[in-house]
Amino acid sequence: MKQKELLRSQIEEERRKLDDMLACGTTVEEAYGQSLVVDTLIEQYMEL
């Protein structure tokens, strides 16, 4: 269960980074790369 909580925390942090990137007008490539990080963490979370 602790691993799932850690992943949830990581997902929230990475989503904040993505939101900040979008608010700052980052490039599409950078935003896409960050969204892939978030997606990967969500997939790991769902597998637990």
PDB file of N, CA and C in Angstrom:
ATOM      1  N   MET A   1       0.825  -1.203   0.000  1.00  0.00           N
ATOM      2  CA  MET A   1       0.000   0.000   0.000  1.00  0.00           C
ATOM      3  C   MET A   1       0.866   1.262   0.000  1.00  0.00           C
ATOM      4  N   LYS A   2       1.985   1.207   0.669  1.00  0.00           N
ATOM      5  CA  LYS A   2       2.863   2.366   0.723  1.00  0.00           C
ATOM      6  C   LYS A   2       3.353   2.757  -0.676  1.00  0.00           C
ATOM      7  N   GLN A   3       3.611   1.755  -1.515  1.00  0.00           N
ATOM      8  CA  GLN A   3       4.073   2.028  -2.874  1.00  0.00           C
ATOM      9  C   GLN A   3       3.000   2.780  -3.659  1.00  0.00           C
ATOM     10  N   LYS A   4       1.761   2.414  -3.457  1.00  0.00           N
ATOM     11  CA  LYS A   4       0.665   3.074  -4.159  1.00  0.00           C
ATOM     12  C   LYS A   4       0.550   4.533  -3.715  1.00  0.00           C
ATOM     13  N   GLU A   5       0.722   4.790  -2.440  1.00  0.00           N
ATOM     14  CA  GLU A   5       0.684   6.163  -1.933  1.00  0.00           C
ATOM     15  C   GLU A   5       1.843   6.979  -2.489  1.00  0.00           C
ATOM     16  N   LEU A   6       3.012   6.371  -2.577  1.00  0.00           N
ATOM     17  CA  LEU A   6       4.177   7.054  -3.135  1.00  0.00           C
ATOM     18  C   LEU A   6       3.940   7.400  -4.607  1.00  0.00           C
ATOM     19  N   LEU A   7       3.396   6.467  -5.352  1.00  0.00           N
ATOM     20  CA  LEU A   7       3.097   6.720  -6.762  1.00  0.00           C
ATOM     21  C   LEU A   7       2.077   7.843  -6.917  1.00  0.00           C
ATOM     22  N   ARG A   8       1.067   7.846  -6.066  1.00  0.00           N
ATOM     23  CA  ARG A   8       0.057   8.898  -6.130  1.00  0.00           C
ATOM     24  C   ARG A   8       0.690  10.270  -5.895  1.00  0.00           C
ATOM     25  N   SER A   9       1.603  10.310  -4.959  1.00  0.00           N
ATOM     26  CA  SER A   9       2.311  11.541  -4.656  1.00  0.00           C
ATOM     27  C   SER A   9       3.156  11.996  -5.856  1.00  0.00           C
ATOM     28  N   GLN A  10       3.827  11.044  -6.480  1.00  0.00           N
ATOM     29  CA  GLN A  10       4.640  11.350  -7.655  1.00  0.00           C
ATOM     30  C   GLN A  10       3.773  11.844  -8.810  1.00  0.00           C
ATOM     31  N   ILE A  11       2.624  11.218  -8.985  1.00  0.00           N
ATOM     32  CA  ILE A  11       1.700  11.635 -10.048  1.00  0.00           C
ATOM     33  C   ILE A  11       1.270  13.085  -9.831  1.00  0.00           C
ATOM     34  N   GLU A  12       0.907  13.403  -8.599  1.00  0.00           N
ATOM     35  CA  GLU A  12       0.476  14.768  -8.296  1.00  0.00           C
ATOM     36  C   GLU A  12       1.594  15.777  -8.577  1.00  0.00           C
ATOM     37  N   GLU A  13       2.823  15.437  -8.191  1.00  0.00           N
ATOM     38  CA  GLU A  13       3.959  16.334  -8.418  1.00  0.00           C
ATOM     39  C   GLU A  13       4.222  16.529  -9.909  1.00  0.00           C
ATOM     40  N   GLU A  14       4.213  15.437 -10.654  1.00  0.00           N
ATOM     41  CA  GLU A  14       4.473  15.528 -12.095  1.00  0.00           C
ATOM     42  C   GLU A  14       3.348  16.261 -12.819  1.00  0.00           C
ATOM     43  N   ARG A  15       2.124  16.122 -12.344  1.00  0.00           N
ATOM     44  CA  ARG A  15       1.002  16.859 -12.951  1.00  0.00           C
ATOM     45  C   ARG A  15       1.149  18.349 -12.688  1.00  0.00           C
ATOM     46  N   ARG A  16       1.607  18.705 -11.482  1.00  0.00           N
ATOM     47  CA  ARG A  16       1.859  20.121 -11.181  1.00  0.00           C
ATOM     48  C   ARG A  16       2.912  20.684 -12.125  1.00  0.00           C
ATOM     49  N   LYS A  17       3.959  19.897 -12.362  1.00  0.00           N
ATOM     50  CA  LYS A  17       5.007  20.325 -13.301  1.00  0.00           C
ATOM     51  C   LYS A  17       4.416  20.552 -14.685  1.00  0.00           C
ATOM     52  N   LEU A  18       3.571  19.625 -15.123  1.00  0.00           N
ATOM     53  CA  LEU A  18       2.932  19.753 -16.435  1.00  0.00           C
ATOM     54  C   LEU A  18       2.054  20.994 -16.491  1.00  0.00           C
ATOM     55  N   ASP A  19       1.263  21.215 -15.459  1.00  0.00           N
ATOM     56  CA  ASP A  19       0.417  22.408 -15.409  1.00  0.00           C
ATOM     57  C   ASP A  19       1.255  23.681 -15.482  1.00  0.00           C
ATOM     58  N   ASP A  20       2.362  23.707 -14.751  1.00  0.00           N
ATOM     59  CA  ASP A  20       3.255  24.867 -14.776  1.00  0.00           C
ATOM     60  C   ASP A  20       3.858  25.073 -16.161  1.00  0.00           C
ATOM     61  N   MET A  21       4.243  23.983 -16.782  1.00  0.00           N
ATOM     62  CA  MET A  21       4.819  24.065 -18.124  1.00  0.00           C
ATOM     63  C   MET A  21       3.806  24.660 -19.101  1.00  0.00           C
ATOM     64  N   LEU A  22       2.563  24.208 -19.011  1.00  0.00           N
ATOM     65  CA  LEU A  22       1.531  24.710 -19.919  1.00  0.00           C
ATOM     66  C   LEU A  22       1.228  26.180 -19.644  1.00  0.00           C
ATOM     67  N   ALA A  23       1.250  26.567 -18.383  1.00  0.00           N
ATOM     68  CA  ALA A  23       0.970  27.957 -18.017  1.00  0.00           C
ATOM     69  C   ALA A  23       2.083  28.889 -18.495  1.00  0.00           C
ATOM     70  N   CYS A  24       3.299  28.374 -18.564  1.00  0.00           N
ATOM     71  CA  CYS A  24       4.448  29.201 -18.969  1.00  0.00           C
ATOM     72  C   CYS A  24       4.644  29.234 -20.477  1.00  0.00           C
ATOM     73  N   GLY A  25       3.846  28.506 -21.191  1.00  0.00           N
ATOM     74  CA  GLY A  25       3.964  28.509 -22.649  1.00  0.00           C
ATOM     75  C   GLY A  25       5.141  27.693 -23.152  1.00  0.00           C
ATOM     76  N   THR A  26       5.419  26.586 -22.496  1.00  0.00           N
ATOM     77  CA  THR A  26       6.513  25.717 -22.922  1.00  0.00           C
ATOM     78  C   THR A  26       6.211  25.125 -24.302  1.00  0.00           C
ATOM     79  N   THR A  27       7.213  24.534 -24.899  1.00  0.00           N
ATOM     80  CA  THR A  27       7.012  23.971 -26.237  1.00  0.00           C
ATOM     81  C   THR A  27       6.114  22.740 -26.169  1.00  0.00           C
ATOM     82  N   VAL A  28       5.515  22.439 -27.287  1.00  0.00           N
ATOM     83  CA  VAL A  28       4.633  21.275 -27.377  1.00  0.00           C
ATOM     84  C   VAL A  28       5.415  19.996 -27.081  1.00  0.00           C
ATOM     85  N   GLU A  29       6.630  19.920 -27.569  1.00  0.00           N
ATOM     86  CA  GLU A  29       7.453  18.725 -27.367  1.00  0.00           C
ATOM     87  C   GLU A  29       7.743  18.499 -25.889  1.00  0.00           C
ATOM     88  N   GLU A  30       8.069  19.575 -25.174  1.00  0.00           N
ATOM     89  CA  GLU A  30       8.365  19.457 -23.747  1.00  0.00           C
ATOM     90  C   GLU A  30       7.109  19.059 -22.963  1.00  0.00           C
ATOM     91  N   ALA A  31       6.001  19.671 -23.299  1.00  0.00           N
ATOM     92  CA  ALA A  31       4.739  19.350 -22.622  1.00  0.00           C
ATOM     93  C   ALA A  31       4.337  17.906 -22.909  1.00  0.00           C
ATOM     94  N   TYR A  32       4.528  17.474 -24.126  1.00  0.00           N
ATOM     95  CA  TYR A  32       4.204  16.092 -24.482  1.00  0.00           C
ATOM     96  C   TYR A  32       5.085  15.120 -23.710  1.00  0.00           C
ATOM     97  N   GLY A  33       6.363  15.423 -23.611  1.00  0.00           N
ATOM     98  CA  GLY A  33       7.274  14.573 -22.855  1.00  0.00           C
ATOM     99  C   GLY A  33       6.853  14.463 -21.401  1.00  0.00           C
ATOM    100  N   GLN A  34       6.448  15.585 -20.817  1.00  0.00           N
ATOM    101  CA  GLN A  34       5.998  15.563 -19.425  1.00  0.00           C
ATOM    102  C   GLN A  34       4.689  14.789 -19.287  1.00  0.00           C
ATOM    103  N   SER A  35       3.813  14.904 -20.260  1.00  0.00           N
ATOM    104  CA  SER A  35       2.552  14.155 -20.186  1.00  0.00           C
ATOM    105  C   SER A  35       2.808  12.651 -20.267  1.00  0.00           C
ATOM    106  N   LEU A  36       3.844  12.248 -20.987  1.00  0.00           N
ATOM    107  CA  LEU A  36       4.205  10.830 -21.034  1.00  0.00           C
ATOM    108  C   LEU A  36       4.695  10.342 -19.680  1.00  0.00           C
ATOM    109  N   VAL A  37       5.420  11.189 -18.967  1.00  0.00           N
ATOM    110  CA  VAL A  37       5.869  10.844 -17.609  1.00  0.00           C
ATOM    111  C   VAL A  37       4.650  10.602 -16.716  1.00  0.00           C
ATOM    112  N   VAL A  38       3.688  11.512 -16.793  1.00  0.00           N
ATOM    113  CA  VAL A  38       2.470  11.379 -15.988  1.00  0.00           C
ATOM    114  C   VAL A  38       1.713  10.110 -16.375  1.00  0.00           C
ATOM    115  N   ASP A  39       1.569   9.861 -17.651  1.00  0.00           N
ATOM    116  CA  ASP A  39       0.859   8.668 -18.125  1.00  0.00           C
ATOM    117  C   ASP A  39       1.517   7.385 -17.623  1.00  0.00           C
ATOM    118  N   THR A  40       2.837   7.342 -17.660  1.00  0.00           N
ATOM    119  CA  THR A  40       3.565   6.160 -17.208  1.00  0.00           C
ATOM    120  C   THR A  40       3.323   5.910 -15.724  1.00  0.00           C
ATOM    121  N   LEU A  41       3.362   6.970 -14.930  1.00  0.00           N
ATOM    122  CA  LEU A  41       3.111   6.827 -13.502  1.00  0.00           C
ATOM    123  C   LEU A  41       1.677   6.371 -13.223  1.00  0.00           C
ATOM    124  N   ILE A  42       0.732   6.890 -13.984  1.00  0.00           N
ATOM    125  CA  ILE A  42      -0.661   6.478 -13.818  1.00  0.00           C
ATOM    126  C   ILE A  42      -0.828   5.006 -14.161  1.00  0.00           C
ATOM    127  N   GLU A  43      -0.173   4.555 -15.218  1.00  0.00           N
ATOM    128  CA  GLU A  43      -0.247   3.137 -15.589  1.00  0.00           C
ATOM    129  C   GLU A  43       0.315   2.264 -14.472  1.00  0.00           C
ATOM    130  N   GLN A  44       1.445   2.678 -13.896  1.00  0.00           N
ATOM    131  CA  GLN A  44       2.036   1.921 -12.792  1.00  0.00           C
ATOM    132  C   GLN A  44       1.072   1.884 -11.602  1.00  0.00           C
ATOM    133  N   TYR A  45       0.436   2.992 -11.321  1.00  0.00           N
ATOM    134  CA  TYR A  45      -0.514   3.083 -10.212  1.00  0.00           C
ATOM    135  C   TYR A  45      -1.682   2.127 -10.423  1.00  0.00           C
ATOM    136  N   MET A  46      -2.184   2.091 -11.640  1.00  0.00           N
ATOM    137  CA  MET A  46      -3.338   1.249 -11.939  1.00  0.00           C
ATOM    138  C   MET A  46      -2.992  -0.246 -11.873  1.00  0.00           C
ATOM    139  N   GLU A  47      -1.742  -0.585 -12.114  1.00  0.00           N
ATOM    140  CA  GLU A  47      -1.330  -1.987 -12.095  1.00  0.00           C
ATOM    141  C   GLU A  47      -1.202  -2.539 -10.671  1.00  0.00           C
ATOM    142  N   LEU A  48      -1.106  -1.634  -9.687  1.00  0.00           N
ATOM    143  CA  LEU A  48      -0.968  -2.101  -8.299  1.00  0.00           C
ATOM    144  C   LEU A  48      -2.294  -2.518  -7.715  1.00  0.00           C
TER     145      LEU A  48
END
